C-alpha atoms as a PDB file:
ATOM      1  CA  UNK A   1     165.029 116.201 278.745  1.00  0.00           C
ATOM      2  CA  UNK A   2     164.384 112.897 277.037  1.00  0.00           C
ATOM      3  CA  UNK A   3     163.803 111.305 280.446  1.00  0.00           C
ATOM      4  CA  UNK A   4     161.482 113.544 282.461  1.00  0.00           C
ATOM      5  CA  UNK A   5     161.394 111.061 285.369  1.00  0.00           C
ATOM      6  CA  UNK A   6     165.104 111.579 285.918  1.00  0.00           C
ATOM      7  CA  UNK A   7     164.853 115.352 285.946  1.00  0.00           C
ATOM      8  CA  UNK A   8     163.901 115.510 289.637  1.00  0.00           C
ATOM      9  CA  UNK A   9     166.774 113.241 290.620  1.00  0.00           C
ATOM     10  CA  UNK A  10     169.361 115.069 288.549  1.00  0.00           C
ATOM     11  CA  UNK A  11     168.381 118.668 289.271  1.00  0.00           C
ATOM     12  CA  UNK A  12     170.504 119.011 292.459  1.00  0.00           C
ATOM     13  CA  UNK A  13     173.537 117.732 290.557  1.00  0.00           C
ATOM     14  CA  UNK A  14     172.894 120.043 287.621  1.00  0.00           C
ATOM     15  CA  UNK A  15     172.488 123.022 289.962  1.00  0.00           C
ATOM     16  CA  UNK A  16     175.786 122.179 291.647  1.00  0.00           C
ATOM     17  CA  UNK A  17     177.530 121.703 288.294  1.00  0.00           C
ATOM     18  CA  UNK A  18     176.226 124.976 286.914  1.00  0.00           C
ATOM     19  CA  UNK A  19     177.145 126.685 290.193  1.00  0.00           C
ATOM     20  CA  UNK A  20     180.790 125.721 289.746  1.00  0.00           C
ATOM     21  CA  UNK A  21     180.983 122.886 292.278  1.00  0.00           C
ATOM     22  CA  UNK A  22     182.522 120.363 289.886  1.00  0.00           C
ATOM     23  CA  UNK A  23     185.259 119.318 292.342  1.00  0.00           C
ATOM     24  CA  UNK A  24     182.734 118.644 295.086  1.00  0.00           C
ATOM     25  CA  UNK A  25     180.549 116.664 292.688  1.00  0.00           C
ATOM     26  CA  UNK A  26     183.496 114.539 291.595  1.00  0.00           C
ATOM     27  CA  UNK A  27     184.244 113.736 295.237  1.00  0.00           C
ATOM     28  CA  UNK A  28     180.651 112.754 295.899  1.00  0.00           C
ATOM     29  CA  UNK A  29     180.545 110.548 292.809  1.00  0.00           C
ATOM     30  CA  UNK A  30     183.795 108.854 293.827  1.00  0.00           C
ATOM     31  CA  UNK A  31     182.397 108.242 297.315  1.00  0.00           C
ATOM     32  CA  UNK A  32     179.274 106.649 295.849  1.00  0.00           C
ATOM     33  CA  UNK A  33     181.245 104.367 293.520  1.00  0.00           C
ATOM     34  CA  UNK A  34     182.915 102.497 296.387  1.00  0.00           C
ATOM     35  CA  UNK A  35     179.768 101.049 298.011  1.00  0.00           C
ATOM     36  CA  UNK A  36     178.146 100.530 294.602  1.00  0.00           C
ATOM     37  CA  UNK A  37     181.071  98.440 293.412  1.00  0.00           C
ATOM     38  CA  UNK A  38     180.819  96.320 296.564  1.00  0.00           C
ATOM     39  CA  UNK A  39     177.165  95.638 295.834  1.00  0.00           C
ATOM     40  CA  UNK A  40     177.931  94.616 292.251  1.00  0.00           C
ATOM     41  CA  UNK A  41     180.871  92.297 292.899  1.00  0.00           C
ATOM     42  CA  UNK A  42     180.133  88.795 294.209  1.00  0.00           C
END
């Protein structure tokens, strides 16, 4: 990749994506967006 430092962080997500777990990944991403948006908003 263009960003080798990110490769270790992204590999579990890529493995899940390639393994056909797209629905599960979407749920996990949605769950992470909620607390992240709370941290961003004042």
